[in-house]
């Protein structure tokens, strides 16, 4: 029988540093286009990019970031072939290394935009590249798959493969900026990459605050706590990233993830409460500022926020400031669980402050207006819209659907959570008898 051709993805980038956007995009494409391998090719000579590290430092972080995925390989081919940013030279080198393989060059949609200064149709050797490889295109920013298809018509000689990959809104530029500001980059890049950034002092400058070493132990000396209640079915990197961002920007001593047992908007969730909480426990275990709480599960009642806040105040004392993270969807007056209509809301407004994160880009534009309307109707309300909070594209629903379809969920949630899902056979479709 004829030998099956290898299908190889070629994903070249600066990777300063590699982050979950790169990894999730590559894994999504590997799954969607049945790739046998994805080469993460570290570009050479990127001195023109501000804040970018040298070749070897970037390559080492890439090696460390992909080592645990059996389908991913860090490649030095661009560093060794002298491509100097020319994708044609890179593809020719890959073809020489894998002469019988079918190549898939992976890049973002901005290069299909005819207004972009590096429009793909104007690349050096573009015609030769189109003969060597198909092109997997990730949507970038507000670009849609339909937009990619329209732009693809401008380069009809190219084999353009649009992907529905959801843009995670993470960039290396943002990560470098956060490091310079002394902010956490947890949940934006693999732990080993973050550790290398800290150990080697990458991206820090003379104005960067020193790394914080002192963390309040257990429940001692806590001044401000943030409660993040949710079904977490399952908890995702989006949940963790939002919580870490909020902790830093509001100087919380601890973020407490409370697994909802029987939320009013989904009474069926009670059957999976223990499995959902197990995933929360393992997901937050490695963050010294995060705790999990089963206070809602153990109460064995409907999951009312008022009851949870009362128990937290009793546990931590009257002197601790309590914030509650809430999705912007509950600020929409049309929502059937509109925030001002929650049980005991007048008392809740006195006991805690509500920090509202944008659920999506549409609600980001509407959120502040919804908050203003609540405060106008309830002057005693302490509600703040977190305009700059991240809007991750990974959702619990997406993870459930991908598991049910037999798709990979790497880089959507922590490895430990993925093991709980596998162990308990969660979200698998039941076979018909």
Protein backbone atom coordinates (compact mmCIF):
# COMPACT_ATOMS: atom_id res chain seq x y z
CA UNK A 1 0.00 0.00 0.00
CA UNK A 2 1.24 3.56 -0.67
CA UNK A 3 2.71 5.27 2.34
CA UNK A 4 0.52 8.01 3.77
CA UNK A 5 1.93 11.51 3.33
CA UNK A 6 2.81 13.34 6.52
CA UNK A 7 0.75 16.47 7.03
CA UNK A 8 2.98 19.05 8.72
CA UNK A 9 1.98 22.43 10.07
CA UNK A 10 4.68 25.12 9.89
CA UNK A 11 4.04 27.79 12.51
CA UNK A 12 6.80 30.38 12.54
CA UNK A 13 6.81 33.30 14.92
CA UNK A 14 8.85 35.54 17.15
CA UNK A 15 7.60 33.76 20.29
CA UNK A 16 8.75 36.41 22.72
CA UNK A 17 7.24 34.72 24.61
CA UNK A 18 5.23 31.75 23.38
CA UNK A 19 1.71 31.93 24.85
CA UNK A 20 -1.58 30.03 25.00
CA UNK A 21 -2.89 31.86 21.94
CA UNK A 22 -0.12 30.28 19.85
CA UNK A 23 -0.59 26.88 21.45
CA UNK A 24 -4.38 26.78 21.32
CA UNK A 25 -4.41 27.95 17.70
CA UNK A 26 -1.93 25.26 16.71
CA UNK A 27 -3.77 22.52 18.59
CA UNK A 28 -7.14 23.62 17.19
CA UNK A 29 -5.70 23.53 13.64
CA UNK A 30 -3.99 20.19 14.21
CA UNK A 31 -7.35 18.76 15.22
CA UNK A 32 -9.34 20.44 12.46
CA UNK A 33 -6.97 19.66 9.58
CA UNK A 34 -5.69 16.29 10.83
CA UNK A 35 -2.04 17.37 11.02
CA UNK A 36 0.54 14.78 12.05
CA UNK A 37 2.95 17.36 13.44
CA UNK A 38 3.23 21.08 14.05
CA UNK A 39 6.67 22.71 13.84
CA UNK A 40 7.01 25.79 16.04
CA UNK A 41 9.72 27.66 14.15
CA UNK A 42 11.47 30.43 16.09
CA UNK A 43 12.21 33.33 13.75
CA UNK A 44 15.74 34.69 13.58
CA UNK A 45 17.02 38.24 13.86
CA UNK A 46 13.97 40.06 15.21
CA UNK A 47 15.88 43.10 16.50
CA UNK A 48 13.42 45.43 14.73
CA UNK A 49 10.71 44.38 17.22
CA UNK A 50 10.75 46.33 20.47
CA UNK A 51 11.47 44.32 23.61
CA UNK A 52 12.09 41.05 21.77
CA UNK A 53 14.73 38.73 23.23
CA UNK A 54 17.65 37.14 21.44
CA UNK A 55 17.24 34.04 19.31
CA UNK A 56 18.38 31.46 21.85
CA UNK A 57 16.29 32.78 24.74
CA UNK A 58 13.17 32.72 22.58
CA UNK A 59 13.97 29.26 21.24
CA UNK A 60 14.51 27.87 24.76
CA UNK A 61 11.11 29.15 25.90
CA UNK A 62 9.49 27.60 22.83
CA UNK A 63 11.18 24.25 23.48
CA UNK A 64 9.91 24.29 27.06
CA UNK A 65 6.41 25.41 26.11
CA UNK A 66 5.72 22.63 23.58
CA UNK A 67 7.60 19.74 25.17
CA UNK A 68 4.53 18.09 26.73
CA UNK A 69 2.54 17.87 23.48
CA UNK A 70 3.50 14.77 21.44
CA UNK A 71 2.36 16.46 18.20
CA UNK A 72 4.36 19.67 18.67
CA UNK A 73 8.05 20.18 17.91
CA UNK A 74 10.23 23.23 18.49
CA UNK A 75 12.31 23.83 15.36
CA UNK A 76 15.61 25.68 14.85
CA UNK A 77 15.27 25.51 11.10
CA UNK A 78 14.86 29.29 10.63
CA UNK A 79 17.84 29.95 12.91
CA UNK A 80 20.01 27.55 10.92
CA UNK A 81 18.93 28.16 7.31
CA UNK A 82 19.45 31.92 7.41
CA UNK A 83 15.90 32.75 6.29
CA UNK A 84 16.10 36.22 7.90
CA UNK A 85 12.32 36.45 8.04
CA UNK A 86 11.72 35.23 4.48
CA UNK A 87 8.98 32.62 4.67
CA UNK A 88 9.87 31.21 1.24
CA UNK A 89 13.39 30.29 2.40
CA UNK A 90 11.88 28.73 5.53
CA UNK A 91 9.37 26.62 3.58
CA UNK A 92 12.08 25.45 1.17
CA UNK A 93 14.17 24.34 4.16
CA UNK A 94 11.21 22.48 5.68
CA UNK A 95 10.46 20.81 2.35
CA UNK A 96 14.07 19.68 2.12
CA UNK A 97 13.85 18.24 5.64
CA UNK A 98 10.49 16.53 4.93
CA UNK A 99 10.57 15.92 1.14
CA UNK A 100 7.45 13.74 1.01
CA UNK A 101 5.29 15.78 3.39
CA UNK A 102 2.29 17.97 2.66
CA UNK A 103 2.97 21.40 4.20
CA UNK A 104 0.52 23.76 5.88
CA UNK A 105 1.85 27.24 6.64
CA UNK A 106 0.04 28.76 9.65
CA UNK A 107 -0.44 32.50 10.10
CA UNK A 108 -2.99 35.11 11.21
CA UNK A 109 -5.59 36.89 9.11
CA UNK A 110 -3.97 40.33 9.32
CA UNK A 111 -1.62 39.30 6.50
CA UNK A 112 -4.59 38.67 4.19
CA UNK A 113 -5.79 42.24 4.69
CA UNK A 114 -4.87 44.08 1.45
CA UNK A 115 -4.33 47.26 3.48
CA UNK A 116 -1.70 45.63 5.68
CA UNK A 117 1.87 46.64 4.92
CA UNK A 118 2.86 42.96 4.86
CA UNK A 119 -0.04 41.72 2.75
CA UNK A 120 0.66 38.08 1.90
CA UNK A 121 0.25 38.66 -1.85
CA UNK A 122 3.26 41.00 -1.74
CA UNK A 123 5.60 38.72 0.21
CA UNK A 124 8.94 37.98 -1.40
CA UNK A 125 8.52 34.73 -3.34
CA UNK A 126 4.77 34.56 -2.67
CA UNK A 127 4.00 32.64 -5.88
CA UNK A 128 6.62 30.01 -5.06
CA UNK A 129 5.28 29.73 -1.49
CA UNK A 130 1.75 29.11 -2.74
CA UNK A 131 3.05 26.12 -4.71
CA UNK A 132 4.90 24.69 -1.72
CA UNK A 133 2.23 24.91 0.96
CA UNK A 134 -1.42 25.37 1.87
CA UNK A 135 -2.15 28.26 4.25
CA UNK A 136 -4.09 27.83 7.49
CA UNK A 137 -5.36 31.27 8.52
CA UNK A 138 -6.32 32.16 12.10
CA UNK A 139 -8.79 35.03 12.64
CA UNK A 140 -7.12 37.99 14.35
CA UNK A 141 -8.86 40.77 16.26
CA UNK A 142 -12.37 41.33 14.88
CA UNK A 143 -11.71 39.43 11.65
CA UNK A 144 -14.25 36.73 10.82
CA UNK A 145 -14.02 33.55 8.82
CA UNK A 146 -16.20 35.15 6.17
CA UNK A 147 -13.77 38.08 5.95
CA UNK A 148 -10.89 35.64 5.50
CA UNK A 149 -12.76 33.93 2.64
CA UNK A 150 -13.35 37.29 0.94
CA UNK A 151 -9.70 38.33 1.26
CA UNK A 152 -8.61 34.90 0.01
CA UNK A 153 -10.14 35.79 -3.37
CA UNK A 154 -7.36 38.40 -3.74
CA UNK A 155 -4.79 35.59 -3.91
CA UNK A 156 -6.63 32.92 -5.96
CA UNK A 157 -3.42 30.99 -6.62
CA UNK A 158 -3.08 30.29 -2.87
CA UNK A 159 -4.79 27.38 -1.09
CA UNK A 160 -6.32 29.29 1.85
CA UNK A 161 -7.86 27.24 4.67
CA UNK A 162 -9.81 29.48 7.09
CA UNK A 163 -10.24 28.15 10.61
CA UNK A 164 -13.00 28.91 13.11
CA UNK A 165 -10.41 29.17 15.88
CA UNK A 166 -11.68 31.62 18.54
CA UNK A 167 -9.20 34.46 19.09
CA UNK A 168 -8.05 34.28 22.75
CA UNK A 169 -7.07 37.98 22.87
CA UNK A 170 -3.56 37.28 24.20
CA UNK A 171 -0.47 38.81 22.62
CA UNK A 172 3.25 38.60 23.33
CA UNK A 173 3.34 42.40 23.37
CA UNK A 174 0.81 42.47 26.21
CA UNK A 175 2.72 39.83 28.16
CA UNK A 176 5.98 41.77 27.88
CA UNK A 177 4.19 44.91 29.04
CA UNK A 178 2.65 43.13 32.04
CA UNK A 179 6.05 41.76 33.07
CA UNK A 180 7.57 45.25 32.87
CA UNK A 181 4.77 46.53 35.10
CA UNK A 182 5.37 43.77 37.63
CA UNK A 183 2.01 42.12 36.89
CA UNK A 184 1.28 38.41 36.86
CA UNK A 185 1.24 36.49 33.58
CA UNK A 186 -0.33 33.33 34.99
CA UNK A 187 -2.79 31.61 32.65
CA UNK A 188 -1.41 33.41 29.60
CA UNK A 189 1.52 31.06 28.97
CA UNK A 190 2.62 27.61 30.26
CA UNK A 191 3.99 27.53 33.80
CA UNK A 192 7.45 26.51 32.62
CA UNK A 193 7.65 29.54 30.28
CA UNK A 194 6.50 31.87 33.07
CA UNK A 195 9.17 30.40 35.35
CA UNK A 196 11.86 31.00 32.73
CA UNK A 197 10.72 34.61 32.31
CA UNK A 198 10.95 35.16 36.08
CA UNK A 199 14.21 33.25 36.57
CA UNK A 200 16.08 35.05 33.80
CA UNK A 201 14.50 38.45 34.37
CA UNK A 202 13.18 38.65 30.81
CA UNK A 203 11.31 41.84 29.82
CA UNK A 204 12.02 43.61 33.12
CA UNK A 205 13.60 47.06 33.26
CA UNK A 206 14.82 49.49 35.92
CA UNK A 207 11.26 50.59 36.70
CA UNK A 208 9.83 47.09 37.14
CA UNK A 209 8.74 46.42 40.75
CA UNK A 210 10.53 43.53 42.49
CA UNK A 211 8.82 40.14 42.49
CA UNK A 212 6.47 39.71 45.44
CA UNK A 213 7.52 36.93 47.76
CA UNK A 214 5.21 37.33 50.74
CA UNK A 215 1.76 35.81 50.49
CA UNK A 216 -0.65 35.83 53.48
CA UNK A 217 -0.85 32.27 54.77
CA UNK A 218 -4.19 30.47 54.85
CA UNK A 219 -6.77 32.82 56.37
CA UNK A 220 -4.36 35.05 58.31
CA UNK A 221 -4.14 38.83 57.88
CA UNK A 222 -6.54 39.01 54.95
CA UNK A 223 -7.77 42.54 54.22
CA UNK A 224 -9.53 42.11 50.88
CA UNK A 225 -11.03 38.98 49.42
CA UNK A 226 -12.75 38.42 46.09
CA UNK A 227 -15.40 35.75 45.66
CA UNK A 228 -15.79 34.19 42.23
CA UNK A 229 -18.90 32.05 42.23
CA UNK A 230 -19.88 29.91 39.29
CA UNK A 231 -20.84 26.52 37.96
CA UNK A 232 -17.32 26.02 36.52
CA UNK A 233 -18.55 23.25 34.25
CA UNK A 234 -15.63 22.95 33.71
CA UNK A 235 -13.38 25.74 34.96
CA UNK A 236 -11.37 27.16 32.04
CA UNK A 237 -8.24 29.22 31.55
CA UNK A 238 -10.61 32.08 30.80
CA UNK A 239 -12.01 31.89 34.35
CA UNK A 240 -8.54 31.70 35.87
CA UNK A 241 -7.15 34.55 33.77
CA UNK A 242 -10.08 36.82 34.66
CA UNK A 243 -9.63 36.06 38.34
CA UNK A 244 -5.87 36.69 38.27
CA UNK A 245 -6.38 40.00 36.44
CA UNK A 246 -8.98 41.10 38.99
CA UNK A 247 -6.80 40.08 41.94
CA UNK A 248 -3.95 42.22 40.74
CA UNK A 249 -5.94 45.28 39.78
CA UNK A 250 -7.91 45.37 43.04
CA UNK A 251 -5.09 44.21 45.32
CA UNK A 252 -6.96 41.19 46.69
CA UNK A 253 -5.19 39.01 49.22
CA UNK A 254 -7.18 36.03 48.05
CA UNK A 255 -9.64 35.00 45.33
CA UNK A 256 -12.05 32.34 46.54
CA UNK A 257 -13.66 30.16 43.87
CA UNK A 258 -17.07 29.03 45.13
CA UNK A 259 -18.57 26.16 43.16
CA UNK A 260 -22.31 26.64 42.76
CA UNK A 261 -24.23 23.56 43.88
CA UNK A 262 -27.74 24.35 42.72
CA UNK A 263 -27.82 27.73 40.94
CA UNK A 264 -31.29 29.19 40.32
CA UNK A 265 -30.58 29.40 36.59
CA UNK A 266 -29.55 25.73 36.29
CA UNK A 267 -31.00 23.39 38.89
CA UNK A 268 -29.71 20.35 36.96
CA UNK A 269 -26.15 21.35 37.83
CA UNK A 270 -26.54 19.84 41.30
CA UNK A 271 -25.95 16.32 39.95
CA UNK A 272 -22.41 17.22 38.92
CA UNK A 273 -21.47 19.46 41.85
CA UNK A 274 -18.78 17.20 43.29
CA UNK A 275 -17.05 16.61 39.95
CA UNK A 276 -17.18 20.32 39.12
CA UNK A 277 -15.72 21.22 42.49
CA UNK A 278 -12.96 18.63 42.12
CA UNK A 279 -11.93 20.39 38.91
CA UNK A 280 -11.89 23.76 40.68
CA UNK A 281 -9.73 22.36 43.49
CA UNK A 282 -7.04 21.03 41.14
CA UNK A 283 -7.16 24.11 38.89
CA UNK A 284 -6.40 26.62 41.66
CA UNK A 285 -4.04 24.47 43.73
CA UNK A 286 -0.81 25.93 42.32
CA UNK A 287 -1.75 29.61 42.77
CA UNK A 288 -0.89 30.92 46.26
CA UNK A 289 -3.54 33.63 45.95
CA UNK A 290 -6.39 31.30 44.94
CA UNK A 291 -8.56 29.13 47.18
CA UNK A 292 -11.51 26.86 46.48
CA UNK A 293 -14.58 26.69 48.68
CA UNK A 294 -17.38 24.14 48.91
CA UNK A 295 -19.45 26.36 51.20
CA UNK A 296 -22.27 26.40 48.66
CA UNK A 297 -22.22 22.63 48.14
CA UNK A 298 -22.19 21.84 51.87
CA UNK A 299 -25.08 24.19 52.59
CA UNK A 300 -27.33 21.92 50.50
CA UNK A 301 -29.67 24.74 49.50
CA UNK A 302 -30.25 26.78 46.34
CA UNK A 303 -27.11 28.76 45.49
CA UNK A 304 -28.03 32.24 46.67
CA UNK A 305 -25.25 34.83 46.72
CA UNK A 306 -26.56 36.42 49.91
CA UNK A 307 -26.11 33.20 51.90
CA UNK A 308 -22.56 32.73 50.58
CA UNK A 309 -21.53 36.32 51.41
CA UNK A 310 -22.99 36.01 54.92
CA UNK A 311 -20.97 32.85 55.54
CA UNK A 312 -17.80 34.42 54.14
CA UNK A 313 -18.23 37.48 56.32
CA UNK A 314 -18.73 35.24 59.33
CA UNK A 315 -15.60 33.26 58.47
CA UNK A 316 -13.26 36.17 57.73
CA UNK A 317 -14.69 38.80 60.09
CA UNK A 318 -16.43 42.13 59.73
CA UNK A 319 -13.17 43.94 58.96
CA UNK A 320 -12.46 42.19 55.67
CA UNK A 321 -13.57 43.84 52.42
CA UNK A 322 -15.58 41.49 50.22
CA UNK A 323 -15.81 41.82 46.45
CA UNK A 324 -17.89 39.58 44.19
CA UNK A 325 -16.99 38.94 40.56
CA UNK A 326 -20.02 38.82 38.29
CA UNK A 327 -20.56 38.53 34.54
CA UNK A 328 -21.97 41.53 32.67
CA UNK A 329 -24.87 39.39 31.43
CA UNK A 330 -26.49 39.79 34.87
CA UNK A 331 -26.44 43.59 34.46
CA UNK A 332 -28.59 43.37 31.34
CA UNK A 333 -32.12 44.52 32.37
CA UNK A 334 -33.58 41.92 30.02
CA UNK A 335 -31.84 39.03 31.78
CA UNK A 336 -34.20 36.84 33.81
CA UNK A 337 -31.67 36.84 36.66
CA UNK A 338 -31.03 40.59 36.61
CA UNK A 339 -28.64 41.56 39.44
CA UNK A 340 -30.93 44.04 41.31
CA UNK A 341 -33.56 41.29 41.53
CA UNK A 342 -31.32 38.79 43.30
CA UNK A 343 -32.50 37.62 46.72
CA UNK A 344 -31.66 40.06 49.52
CA UNK A 345 -30.07 42.54 47.14
CA UNK A 346 -30.42 45.67 49.36
CA UNK A 347 -28.43 43.87 52.06
CA UNK A 348 -25.99 42.47 49.51
CA UNK A 349 -25.22 45.95 48.19
CA UNK A 350 -24.18 46.92 51.73
CA UNK A 351 -22.11 43.80 52.40
CA UNK A 352 -20.03 43.59 49.25
CA UNK A 353 -18.93 45.35 46.10
CA UNK A 354 -19.76 43.81 42.72
CA UNK A 355 -16.95 43.78 40.16
CA UNK A 356 -18.48 43.27 36.73
CA UNK A 357 -16.38 41.69 33.97
CA UNK A 358 -17.43 41.89 30.30
CA UNK A 359 -18.78 38.53 29.15
CA UNK A 360 -18.05 39.27 25.49
CA UNK A 361 -17.19 42.09 23.11
CA UNK A 362 -20.82 43.09 22.61
CA UNK A 363 -21.45 43.47 26.34
CA UNK A 364 -18.14 45.28 26.76
CA UNK A 365 -19.66 48.18 24.83
CA UNK A 366 -22.89 48.10 26.88
CA UNK A 367 -21.60 47.19 30.33
CA UNK A 368 -20.80 50.64 31.70
CA UNK A 369 -24.26 51.90 30.73
CA UNK A 370 -25.89 48.97 32.50
CA UNK A 371 -23.83 49.65 35.63
CA UNK A 372 -24.76 53.34 35.57
CA UNK A 373 -28.44 52.39 35.34
CA UNK A 374 -28.17 50.10 38.38
CA UNK A 375 -26.43 52.77 40.46
CA UNK A 376 -28.99 55.38 39.43
CA UNK A 377 -31.86 53.14 40.53
CA UNK A 378 -30.04 51.92 43.64
CA UNK A 379 -27.77 54.71 44.99
CA UNK A 380 -26.51 52.43 47.76
CA UNK A 381 -25.21 49.90 45.24
CA UNK A 382 -21.47 49.36 44.97
CA UNK A 383 -21.03 48.13 41.42
CA UNK A 384 -17.97 48.70 39.22
CA UNK A 385 -17.51 47.76 35.57
CA UNK A 386 -14.04 46.38 34.83
CA UNK A 387 -13.58 47.95 31.42
CA UNK A 388 -10.04 46.65 30.89
CA UNK A 389 -10.65 43.10 32.12
CA UNK A 390 -9.70 40.39 29.59
CA UNK A 391 -12.38 38.83 27.40
CA UNK A 392 -11.13 35.26 26.87
CA UNK A 393 -12.66 33.35 23.99
CA UNK A 394 -12.46 29.93 25.65
CA UNK A 395 -15.71 29.03 27.42
CA UNK A 396 -16.96 26.08 29.44
CA UNK A 397 -19.55 25.36 26.77
CA UNK A 398 -16.83 25.18 24.12
CA UNK A 399 -14.86 22.69 26.22
CA UNK A 400 -17.91 20.48 26.80
CA UNK A 401 -18.73 20.43 23.09
CA UNK A 402 -15.16 19.59 22.11
CA UNK A 403 -14.98 16.72 24.60
CA UNK A 404 -18.33 15.38 23.37
CA UNK A 405 -17.05 15.54 19.78
CA UNK A 406 -13.79 13.80 20.66
CA UNK A 407 -11.75 16.95 20.00
CA UNK A 408 -8.64 18.10 21.87
CA UNK A 409 -9.04 20.52 24.79
CA UNK A 410 -5.35 21.19 25.32
CA UNK A 411 -4.64 24.82 26.29
CA UNK A 412 -8.29 25.50 27.15
CA UNK A 413 -7.96 24.47 30.78
CA UNK A 414 -5.26 23.11 33.07
CA UNK A 415 -3.80 19.66 32.55
CA UNK A 416 -5.07 18.59 35.96
CA UNK A 417 -8.64 19.53 35.01
CA UNK A 418 -8.29 17.57 31.77
CA UNK A 419 -7.32 14.52 33.84
CA UNK A 420 -10.43 14.84 36.02
CA UNK A 421 -12.58 15.06 32.89
CA UNK A 422 -10.95 11.93 31.48
CA UNK A 423 -11.10 10.02 34.75
CA UNK A 424 -14.81 10.67 35.32
CA UNK A 425 -15.71 10.43 31.60
CA UNK A 426 -17.31 13.86 31.86
CA UNK A 427 -19.13 15.40 28.89
CA UNK A 428 -18.90 12.24 26.79
CA UNK A 429 -21.92 11.48 24.63
CA UNK A 430 -23.87 8.50 25.87
CA UNK A 431 -23.95 5.65 23.39
CA UNK A 432 -27.36 4.57 22.20
CA UNK A 433 -28.30 1.01 23.11
